């Protein structure tokens, strides 16, 4: 496991920076981790367990998987993985496939349904923080998605309050590069595509992902630079907004007449 230690130590340091900078988690607190079954969320769960132990946080961690009624959806690996980590795992079934067929914004609708179930489970445990596995590339993709399709400068943020501030969605691996996550997943033998959404190929997010992938193929030496530049500018804007709010400024910045929104 020497290779794993070399990879996870920088990852744990990255998580620590996010937690300390944005104060997204408190010591001795409870936390529900949304586990989709993808490698990102399973790596997040592993890293939070390691962080909990290494930094003596005394978190009470619960995993929760929302199982849609898509054909051949497999939860066996998720349940066994959580047993290996000695983390309680809740599987919640939802009937959503037939409803998605008549919905235009399928990803948005499905995401809202799954997050509602995560919050309901967290509330049943008297827990008010839900961790999601969004990372650096997700931040960039969401930014481009909203600029191109919604005409707004907005993206996901490290901590997002919902239900009048009662709950928060937090993103501990906000600073992590997808390549690092994939490296950890390989060492842990986590399947990359355990369950695939049957609608993923027609999603707007997948189009943005394909666009960025095409850039990486055509300009391999520039790809990381472009993504990192977009990401760093997003992070700088968010930090300025936090500073403005801290100083009790009421108005969010406006760039070329477009409001900067903070979304989940």
C-alpha atoms as a PDB file:
ATOM      1  CA  UNK A   1       0.000   0.000   0.000  1.00  0.00           C
ATOM      2  CA  UNK A   2       3.042   2.282  -0.290  1.00  0.00           C
ATOM      3  CA  UNK A   3       1.812   3.545  -3.656  1.00  0.00           C
ATOM      4  CA  UNK A   4      -1.546   4.389  -2.107  1.00  0.00           C
ATOM      5  CA  UNK A   5       0.069   6.392   0.706  1.00  0.00           C
ATOM      6  CA  UNK A   6       2.029   8.458  -1.800  1.00  0.00           C
ATOM      7  CA  UNK A   7      -1.199   9.317  -3.608  1.00  0.00           C
ATOM      8  CA  UNK A   8      -3.586   9.842  -0.708  1.00  0.00           C
ATOM      9  CA  UNK A   9      -1.362  12.043   1.463  1.00  0.00           C
ATOM     10  CA  UNK A  10      -1.516  14.973  -1.004  1.00  0.00           C
ATOM     11  CA  UNK A  11      -5.245  14.270  -1.429  1.00  0.00           C
ATOM     12  CA  UNK A  12      -5.787  14.445   2.347  1.00  0.00           C
ATOM     13  CA  UNK A  13      -3.829  17.685   2.429  1.00  0.00           C
ATOM     14  CA  UNK A  14      -6.115  19.052  -0.294  1.00  0.00           C
ATOM     15  CA  UNK A  15      -9.220  18.064   1.693  1.00  0.00           C
ATOM     16  CA  UNK A  16      -7.772  19.698   4.789  1.00  0.00           C
ATOM     17  CA  UNK A  17      -7.289  22.964   2.878  1.00  0.00           C
ATOM     18  CA  UNK A  18     -10.919  22.964   1.717  1.00  0.00           C
ATOM     19  CA  UNK A  19     -12.245  22.149   5.189  1.00  0.00           C
ATOM     20  CA  UNK A  20     -10.102  24.789   6.890  1.00  0.00           C
ATOM     21  CA  UNK A  21     -10.552  27.511   4.277  1.00  0.00           C
ATOM     22  CA  UNK A  22     -14.322  27.228   3.879  1.00  0.00           C
ATOM     23  CA  UNK A  23     -15.143  25.738   7.311  1.00  0.00           C
ATOM     24  CA  UNK A  24     -17.348  23.085   5.730  1.00  0.00           C
ATOM     25  CA  UNK A  25     -16.990  20.444   8.485  1.00  0.00           C
ATOM     26  CA  UNK A  26     -16.637  20.595  12.255  1.00  0.00           C
ATOM     27  CA  UNK A  27     -14.916  18.156  14.583  1.00  0.00           C
ATOM     28  CA  UNK A  28     -17.193  15.649  16.379  1.00  0.00           C
ATOM     29  CA  UNK A  29     -19.977  16.159  13.847  1.00  0.00           C
ATOM     30  CA  UNK A  30     -22.138  13.834  11.755  1.00  0.00           C
ATOM     31  CA  UNK A  31     -21.882  13.533   7.991  1.00  0.00           C
ATOM     32  CA  UNK A  32     -23.860  11.747   5.283  1.00  0.00           C
ATOM     33  CA  UNK A  33     -21.831  10.951   2.162  1.00  0.00           C
ATOM     34  CA  UNK A  34     -23.783  10.697  -1.060  1.00  0.00           C
ATOM     35  CA  UNK A  35     -22.455   7.583  -2.808  1.00  0.00           C
ATOM     36  CA  UNK A  36     -23.576   7.319  -6.413  1.00  0.00           C
ATOM     37  CA  UNK A  37     -21.493   4.217  -7.049  1.00  0.00           C
ATOM     38  CA  UNK A  38     -19.121   6.056  -9.349  1.00  0.00           C
ATOM     39  CA  UNK A  39     -15.409   6.112  -8.596  1.00  0.00           C
ATOM     40  CA  UNK A  40     -15.495   9.771  -7.501  1.00  0.00           C
ATOM     41  CA  UNK A  41     -17.939   9.241  -4.635  1.00  0.00           C
ATOM     42  CA  UNK A  42     -16.343   5.965  -3.534  1.00  0.00           C
ATOM     43  CA  UNK A  43     -12.913   7.628  -3.417  1.00  0.00           C
ATOM     44  CA  UNK A  44     -14.442  10.528  -1.474  1.00  0.00           C
ATOM     45  CA  UNK A  45     -15.822   8.094   1.103  1.00  0.00           C
ATOM     46  CA  UNK A  46     -12.435   6.408   1.469  1.00  0.00           C
ATOM     47  CA  UNK A  47     -10.590   9.732   1.803  1.00  0.00           C
ATOM     48  CA  UNK A  48     -13.014  11.021   4.425  1.00  0.00           C
ATOM     49  CA  UNK A  49     -12.472   7.862   6.475  1.00  0.00           C
ATOM     50  CA  UNK A  50      -8.700   8.324   6.187  1.00  0.00           C
ATOM     51  CA  UNK A  51      -8.962  12.027   7.000  1.00  0.00           C
ATOM     52  CA  UNK A  52     -11.163  11.276   9.995  1.00  0.00           C
ATOM     53  CA  UNK A  53      -8.567   8.911  11.403  1.00  0.00           C
ATOM     54  CA  UNK A  54      -5.427  10.872  10.521  1.00  0.00           C
ATOM     55  CA  UNK A  55      -6.680  14.231  11.811  1.00  0.00           C
ATOM     56  CA  UNK A  56      -8.654  12.808  14.780  1.00  0.00           C
ATOM     57  CA  UNK A  57     -11.889  14.488  13.733  1.00  0.00           C
ATOM     58  CA  UNK A  58     -14.256  11.978  15.331  1.00  0.00           C
ATOM     59  CA  UNK A  59     -16.747  12.302  12.469  1.00  0.00           C
ATOM     60  CA  UNK A  60     -19.793  10.055  12.488  1.00  0.00           C
ATOM     61  CA  UNK A  61     -19.896   9.015   8.822  1.00  0.00           C
ATOM     62  CA  UNK A  62     -22.833   7.409   7.009  1.00  0.00           C
ATOM     63  CA  UNK A  63     -22.959   6.418   3.336  1.00  0.00           C
ATOM     64  CA  UNK A  64     -26.174   6.736   1.374  1.00  0.00           C
ATOM     65  CA  UNK A  65     -26.881   5.457  -2.138  1.00  0.00           C
ATOM     66  CA  UNK A  66     -30.028   6.447  -4.013  1.00  0.00           C
ATOM     67  CA  UNK A  67     -30.879   3.484  -6.262  1.00  0.00           C
ATOM     68  CA  UNK A  68     -32.926   4.416  -9.350  1.00  0.00           C
ATOM     69  CA  UNK A  69     -35.068   1.856 -11.109  1.00  0.00           C
ATOM     70  CA  UNK A  70     -32.787   1.734 -14.150  1.00  0.00           C
ATOM     71  CA  UNK A  71     -32.198  -1.733 -15.655  1.00  0.00           C
ATOM     72  CA  UNK A  72     -29.288  -3.809 -14.247  1.00  0.00           C
ATOM     73  CA  UNK A  73     -28.390  -1.266 -11.545  1.00  0.00           C
ATOM     74  CA  UNK A  74     -25.863  -2.933  -9.242  1.00  0.00           C
ATOM     75  CA  UNK A  75     -25.449  -1.976  -5.573  1.00  0.00           C
ATOM     76  CA  UNK A  76     -23.531  -5.060  -4.425  1.00  0.00           C
ATOM     77  CA  UNK A  77     -20.093  -3.501  -4.833  1.00  0.00           C
ATOM     78  CA  UNK A  78     -21.197  -0.354  -2.961  1.00  0.00           C
ATOM     79  CA  UNK A  79     -22.519  -2.350  -0.011  1.00  0.00           C
ATOM     80  CA  UNK A  80     -19.404  -4.559   0.188  1.00  0.00           C
ATOM     81  CA  UNK A  81     -17.137  -1.530  -0.124  1.00  0.00           C
ATOM     82  CA  UNK A  82     -18.877   0.183   2.792  1.00  0.00           C
ATOM     83  CA  UNK A  83     -18.573  -3.005   4.860  1.00  0.00           C
ATOM     84  CA  UNK A  84     -14.828  -2.995   4.140  1.00  0.00           C
ATOM     85  CA  UNK A  85     -14.614   0.603   5.369  1.00  0.00           C
ATOM     86  CA  UNK A  86     -16.885  -0.262   8.334  1.00  0.00           C
ATOM     87  CA  UNK A  87     -19.277   2.527   7.370  1.00  0.00           C
ATOM     88  CA  UNK A  88     -23.085   2.160   7.650  1.00  0.00           C
ATOM     89  CA  UNK A  89     -24.633   2.103   4.172  1.00  0.00           C
ATOM     90  CA  UNK A  90     -28.225   3.069   3.443  1.00  0.00           C
ATOM     91  CA  UNK A  91     -29.754   2.071   0.082  1.00  0.00           C
ATOM     92  CA  UNK A  92     -32.855   4.090  -0.835  1.00  0.00           C
ATOM     93  CA  UNK A  93     -34.929   3.007  -3.824  1.00  0.00           C
ATOM     94  CA  UNK A  94     -36.661   5.587  -6.016  1.00  0.00           C
ATOM     95  CA  UNK A  95     -38.937   5.119  -9.015  1.00  0.00           C
ATOM     96  CA  UNK A  96     -37.747   7.678 -11.521  1.00  0.00           C
ATOM     97  CA  UNK A  97     -37.154   6.083 -14.924  1.00  0.00           C
ATOM     98  CA  UNK A  98     -40.713   6.457 -16.230  1.00  0.00           C
ATOM     99  CA  UNK A  99     -40.885  10.047 -14.946  1.00  0.00           C
ATOM    100  CA  UNK A 100     -37.643  10.997 -16.711  1.00  0.00           C
ATOM    101  CA  UNK A 101     -38.978   9.944 -20.089  1.00  0.00           C
ATOM    102  CA  UNK A 102     -41.327  12.938 -20.157  1.00  0.00           C
ATOM    103  CA  UNK A 103     -38.912  15.446 -18.565  1.00  0.00           C
ATOM    104  CA  UNK A 104     -36.786  17.750 -20.724  1.00  0.00           C
ATOM    105  CA  UNK A 105     -34.070  18.546 -18.162  1.00  0.00           C
ATOM    106  CA  UNK A 106     -33.457  14.969 -17.069  1.00  0.00           C
ATOM    107  CA  UNK A 107     -30.182  15.505 -15.176  1.00  0.00           C
ATOM    108  CA  UNK A 108     -31.567  18.473 -13.264  1.00  0.00           C
ATOM    109  CA  UNK A 109     -34.759  16.624 -12.325  1.00  0.00           C
ATOM    110  CA  UNK A 110     -32.955  13.428 -11.288  1.00  0.00           C
ATOM    111  CA  UNK A 111     -30.382  15.361  -9.257  1.00  0.00           C
ATOM    112  CA  UNK A 112     -33.115  17.192  -7.329  1.00  0.00           C
ATOM    113  CA  UNK A 113     -34.906  13.943  -6.532  1.00  0.00           C
ATOM    114  CA  UNK A 114     -31.734  12.239  -5.318  1.00  0.00           C
ATOM    115  CA  UNK A 115     -30.660  15.185  -3.198  1.00  0.00           C
ATOM    116  CA  UNK A 116     -34.098  15.405  -1.621  1.00  0.00           C
ATOM    117  CA  UNK A 117     -33.759  11.769  -0.542  1.00  0.00           C
ATOM    118  CA  UNK A 118     -30.255  12.408   0.805  1.00  0.00           C
ATOM    119  CA  UNK A 119     -31.549  15.298   2.903  1.00  0.00           C
ATOM    120  CA  UNK A 120     -34.457  13.219   4.207  1.00  0.00           C
ATOM    121  CA  UNK A 121     -32.030  10.487   5.276  1.00  0.00           C
ATOM    122  CA  UNK A 122     -29.679  13.023   6.895  1.00  0.00           C
ATOM    123  CA  UNK A 123     -32.610  14.550   8.797  1.00  0.00           C
ATOM    124  CA  UNK A 124     -33.631  11.110  10.091  1.00  0.00           C
ATOM    125  CA  UNK A 125     -30.159  10.877  11.653  1.00  0.00           C
ATOM    126  CA  UNK A 126     -30.265  14.455  12.973  1.00  0.00           C
ATOM    127  CA  UNK A 127     -27.353  15.296  10.647  1.00  0.00           C
ATOM    128  CA  UNK A 128     -27.205  18.512   8.641  1.00  0.00           C
ATOM    129  CA  UNK A 129     -24.171  18.082   6.368  1.00  0.00           C
ATOM    130  CA  UNK A 130     -24.231  16.004   3.165  1.00  0.00           C
ATOM    131  CA  UNK A 131     -20.926  15.486   1.344  1.00  0.00           C
ATOM    132  CA  UNK A 132     -20.877  15.246  -2.453  1.00  0.00           C
ATOM    133  CA  UNK A 133     -17.969  14.194  -4.660  1.00  0.00           C
ATOM    134  CA  UNK A 134     -17.652  17.167  -7.011  1.00  0.00           C
ATOM    135  CA  UNK A 135     -14.044  17.914  -7.953  1.00  0.00           C
ATOM    136  CA  UNK A 136     -11.994  20.413  -9.987  1.00  0.00           C
ATOM    137  CA  UNK A 137     -13.181  19.209 -13.396  1.00  0.00           C
ATOM    138  CA  UNK A 138     -16.823  19.261 -12.246  1.00  0.00           C
ATOM    139  CA  UNK A 139     -16.413  22.915 -11.273  1.00  0.00           C
ATOM    140  CA  UNK A 140     -15.036  23.796 -14.723  1.00  0.00           C
ATOM    141  CA  UNK A 141     -17.665  21.743 -16.572  1.00  0.00           C
ATOM    142  CA  UNK A 142     -20.518  23.327 -14.601  1.00  0.00           C
ATOM    143  CA  UNK A 143     -19.135  26.805 -15.257  1.00  0.00           C
ATOM    144  CA  UNK A 144     -19.025  26.211 -19.024  1.00  0.00           C
ATOM    145  CA  UNK A 145     -22.407  24.474 -18.940  1.00  0.00           C
ATOM    146  CA  UNK A 146     -24.082  27.490 -17.331  1.00  0.00           C
ATOM    147  CA  UNK A 147     -22.304  30.072 -19.491  1.00  0.00           C
ATOM    148  CA  UNK A 148     -23.182  28.298 -22.750  1.00  0.00           C
ATOM    149  CA  UNK A 149     -26.676  26.978 -22.016  1.00  0.00           C
ATOM    150  CA  UNK A 150     -28.045  29.247 -19.267  1.00  0.00           C
ATOM    151  CA  UNK A 151     -26.347  32.582 -19.978  1.00  0.00           C
ATOM    152  CA  UNK A 152     -25.066  32.982 -16.447  1.00  0.00           C
ATOM    153  CA  UNK A 153     -21.684  32.929 -14.763  1.00  0.00           C
ATOM    154  CA  UNK A 154     -22.203  30.289 -12.114  1.00  0.00           C
ATOM    155  CA  UNK A 155     -20.830  27.008 -10.850  1.00  0.00           C
ATOM    156  CA  UNK A 156     -20.772  24.667  -7.863  1.00  0.00           C
ATOM    157  CA  UNK A 157     -19.122  25.865  -4.659  1.00  0.00           C
ATOM    158  CA  UNK A 158     -17.429  24.172  -1.669  1.00  0.00           C
ATOM    159  CA  UNK A 159     -20.455  24.631   0.594  1.00  0.00           C
ATOM    160  CA  UNK A 160     -24.060  25.267  -0.400  1.00  0.00           C
ATOM    161  CA  UNK A 161     -26.775  25.992   2.171  1.00  0.00           C
ATOM    162  CA  UNK A 162     -30.277  24.714   1.428  1.00  0.00           C
ATOM    163  CA  UNK A 163     -33.681  24.639   3.142  1.00  0.00           C
ATOM    164  CA  UNK A 164     -33.255  28.140   4.595  1.00  0.00           C
ATOM    165  CA  UNK A 165     -29.750  27.327   5.793  1.00  0.00           C
ATOM    166  CA  UNK A 166     -30.775  24.270   7.797  1.00  0.00           C
ATOM    167  CA  UNK A 167     -28.718  21.836   5.705  1.00  0.00           C
ATOM    168  CA  UNK A 168     -25.522  22.146   3.696  1.00  0.00           C
ATOM    169  CA  UNK A 169     -24.119  20.241   0.753  1.00  0.00           C
ATOM    170  CA  UNK A 170     -20.349  20.210   1.167  1.00  0.00           C
ATOM    171  CA  UNK A 171     -17.645  19.241  -1.332  1.00  0.00           C
ATOM    172  CA  UNK A 172     -14.426  18.137   0.429  1.00  0.00           C
ATOM    173  CA  UNK A 173     -12.600  17.157  -2.807  1.00  0.00           C
ATOM    174  CA  UNK A 174     -13.343  20.517  -4.451  1.00  0.00           C
ATOM    175  CA  UNK A 175      -9.611  21.113  -5.067  1.00  0.00           C
ATOM    176  CA  UNK A 176      -8.825  17.604  -6.345  1.00  0.00           C
ATOM    177  CA  UNK A 177      -7.957  16.833  -9.958  1.00  0.00           C
ATOM    178  CA  UNK A 178      -9.877  13.980 -11.588  1.00  0.00           C
ATOM    179  CA  UNK A 179      -6.573  12.300 -12.533  1.00  0.00           C
ATOM    180  CA  UNK A 180      -5.658  11.959  -8.860  1.00  0.00           C
ATOM    181  CA  UNK A 181      -9.088  10.542  -8.041  1.00  0.00           C
ATOM    182  CA  UNK A 182      -8.756   7.994 -10.848  1.00  0.00           C
ATOM    183  CA  UNK A 183      -5.286   7.006  -9.610  1.00  0.00           C
ATOM    184  CA  UNK A 184      -6.640   6.318  -6.120  1.00  0.00           C
ATOM    185  CA  UNK A 185      -9.573   4.384  -7.597  1.00  0.00           C
ATOM    186  CA  UNK A 186      -7.202   2.143  -9.564  1.00  0.00           C
ATOM    187  CA  UNK A 187      -5.139   1.310  -6.477  1.00  0.00           C
ATOM    188  CA  UNK A 188      -8.352   0.529  -4.549  1.00  0.00           C
ATOM    189  CA  UNK A 189      -9.702  -1.558  -7.463  1.00  0.00           C
ATOM    190  CA  UNK A 190     -12.827   0.589  -7.738  1.00  0.00           C
ATOM    191  CA  UNK A 191     -14.684   0.106 -11.047  1.00  0.00           C
ATOM    192  CA  UNK A 192     -14.667   3.287 -13.142  1.00  0.00           C
ATOM    193  CA  UNK A 193     -18.163   2.786 -14.588  1.00  0.00           C
ATOM    194  CA  UNK A 194     -20.015   0.587 -12.122  1.00  0.00           C
ATOM    195  CA  UNK A 195     -23.438   1.938 -13.110  1.00  0.00           C
ATOM    196  CA  UNK A 196     -24.106   4.144 -16.108  1.00  0.00           C
ATOM    197  CA  UNK A 197     -27.143   6.375 -16.408  1.00  0.00           C
ATOM    198  CA  UNK A 198     -29.035   5.356 -19.569  1.00  0.00           C
ATOM    199  CA  UNK A 199     -29.446   9.044 -20.426  1.00  0.00           C
ATOM    200  CA  UNK A 200     -25.830  10.171 -19.994  1.00  0.00           C
ATOM    201  CA  UNK A 201     -25.037  10.367 -23.718  1.00  0.00           C
ATOM    202  CA  UNK A 202     -27.750  12.941 -24.373  1.00  0.00           C
ATOM    203  CA  UNK A 203     -26.948  15.147 -21.371  1.00  0.00           C
ATOM    204  CA  UNK A 204     -25.617  18.673 -21.870  1.00  0.00           C
ATOM    205  CA  UNK A 205     -22.918  17.967 -19.296  1.00  0.00           C
ATOM    206  CA  UNK A 206     -21.657  15.087 -21.429  1.00  0.00           C
ATOM    207  CA  UNK A 207     -21.477  17.444 -24.422  1.00  0.00           C
ATOM    208  CA  UNK A 208     -19.311  19.835 -22.394  1.00  0.00           C
ATOM    209  CA  UNK A 209     -17.176  16.892 -21.248  1.00  0.00           C
ATOM    210  CA  UNK A 210     -16.742  15.747 -24.852  1.00  0.00           C
ATOM    211  CA  UNK A 211     -15.822  19.302 -25.853  1.00  0.00           C
ATOM    212  CA  UNK A 212     -13.105  19.480 -23.196  1.00  0.00           C
ATOM    213  CA  UNK A 213     -11.907  16.012 -24.156  1.00  0.00           C
ATOM    214  CA  UNK A 214     -11.590  17.109 -27.804  1.00  0.00           C
ATOM    215  CA  UNK A 215      -9.453  20.056 -26.666  1.00  0.00           C
ATOM    216  CA  UNK A 216      -7.244  17.733 -24.630  1.00  0.00           C
ATOM    217  CA  UNK A 217      -6.692  15.541 -27.702  1.00  0.00           C
ATOM    218  CA  UNK A 218      -6.010  18.439 -30.076  1.00  0.00           C
ATOM    219  CA  UNK A 219      -3.908  20.483 -27.620  1.00  0.00           C
ATOM    220  CA  UNK A 220      -2.587  18.003 -25.018  1.00  0.00           C
ATOM    221  CA  UNK A 221       0.108  20.369 -23.741  1.00  0.00           C
ATOM    222  CA  UNK A 222      -2.451  23.160 -23.149  1.00  0.00           C
ATOM    223  CA  UNK A 223      -5.352  21.171 -21.699  1.00  0.00           C
ATOM    224  CA  UNK A 224      -4.393  21.197 -18.018  1.00  0.00           C
ATOM    225  CA  UNK A 225      -3.394  24.851 -18.261  1.00  0.00           C
ATOM    226  CA  UNK A 226      -6.780  25.873 -19.731  1.00  0.00           C
ATOM    227  CA  UNK A 227      -8.823  23.937 -17.133  1.00  0.00           C
ATOM    228  CA  UNK A 228      -6.685  25.150 -14.250  1.00  0.00           C
ATOM    229  CA  UNK A 229      -6.907  28.768 -15.406  1.00  0.00           C
ATOM    230  CA  UNK A 230     -10.704  28.584 -15.578  1.00  0.00           C
ATOM    231  CA  UNK A 231     -10.802  26.899 -12.175  1.00  0.00           C
ATOM    232  CA  UNK A 232      -8.450  29.398 -10.494  1.00  0.00           C
ATOM    233  CA  UNK A 233     -10.481  32.332 -11.789  1.00  0.00           C
ATOM    234  CA  UNK A 234     -13.705  30.741 -10.506  1.00  0.00           C
ATOM    235  CA  UNK A 235     -12.108  30.173  -7.102  1.00  0.00           C
ATOM    236  CA  UNK A 236     -10.848  33.766  -6.964  1.00  0.00           C
ATOM    237  CA  UNK A 237     -14.333  35.118  -7.770  1.00  0.00           C
ATOM    238  CA  UNK A 238     -15.910  32.917  -5.102  1.00  0.00           C
ATOM    239  CA  UNK A 239     -13.371  33.997  -2.500  1.00  0.00           C
ATOM    240  CA  UNK A 240     -14.076  37.654  -3.316  1.00  0.00           C
ATOM    241  CA  UNK A 241     -17.806  37.046  -2.905  1.00  0.00           C
ATOM    242  CA  UNK A 242     -17.190  35.403   0.476  1.00  0.00           C
ATOM    243  CA  UNK A 243     -15.099  38.408   1.529  1.00  0.00           C
ATOM    244  CA  UNK A 244     -17.822  40.793   0.358  1.00  0.00           C
ATOM    245  CA  UNK A 245     -20.486  38.884   2.315  1.00  0.00           C
ATOM    246  CA  UNK A 246     -18.230  38.790   5.360  1.00  0.00           C
ATOM    247  CA  UNK A 247     -17.946  42.583   5.128  1.00  0.00           C
ATOM    248  CA  UNK A 248     -21.768  42.805   4.930  1.00  0.00           C
ATOM    249  CA  UNK A 249     -21.880  43.943   1.312  1.00  0.00           C
ATOM    250  CA  UNK A 250     -25.364  43.190  -0.014  1.00  0.00           C
ATOM    251  CA  UNK A 251     -24.783  43.200  -3.786  1.00  0.00           C
ATOM    252  CA  UNK A 252     -23.049  40.363  -5.621  1.00  0.00           C
ATOM    253  CA  UNK A 253     -20.590  41.341  -8.379  1.00  0.00           C
ATOM    254  CA  UNK A 254     -21.770  41.892 -11.934  1.00  0.00           C
ATOM    255  CA  UNK A 255     -19.593  41.152 -14.965  1.00  0.00           C
ATOM    256  CA  UNK A 256     -20.690  42.707 -18.275  1.00  0.00           C
ATOM    257  CA  UNK A 257     -24.227  42.929 -16.954  1.00  0.00           C
ATOM    258  CA  UNK A 258     -24.406  39.234 -16.056  1.00  0.00           C
ATOM    259  CA  UNK A 259     -25.037  38.410 -12.411  1.00  0.00           C
ATOM    260  CA  UNK A 260     -22.594  36.020 -10.822  1.00  0.00           C
ATOM    261  CA  UNK A 261     -24.657  33.245  -9.277  1.00  0.00           C
ATOM    262  CA  UNK A 262     -23.574  30.615  -6.803  1.00  0.00           C
ATOM    263  CA  UNK A 263     -25.332  27.335  -7.511  1.00  0.00           C
ATOM    264  CA  UNK A 264     -25.224  23.707  -6.518  1.00  0.00           C
END
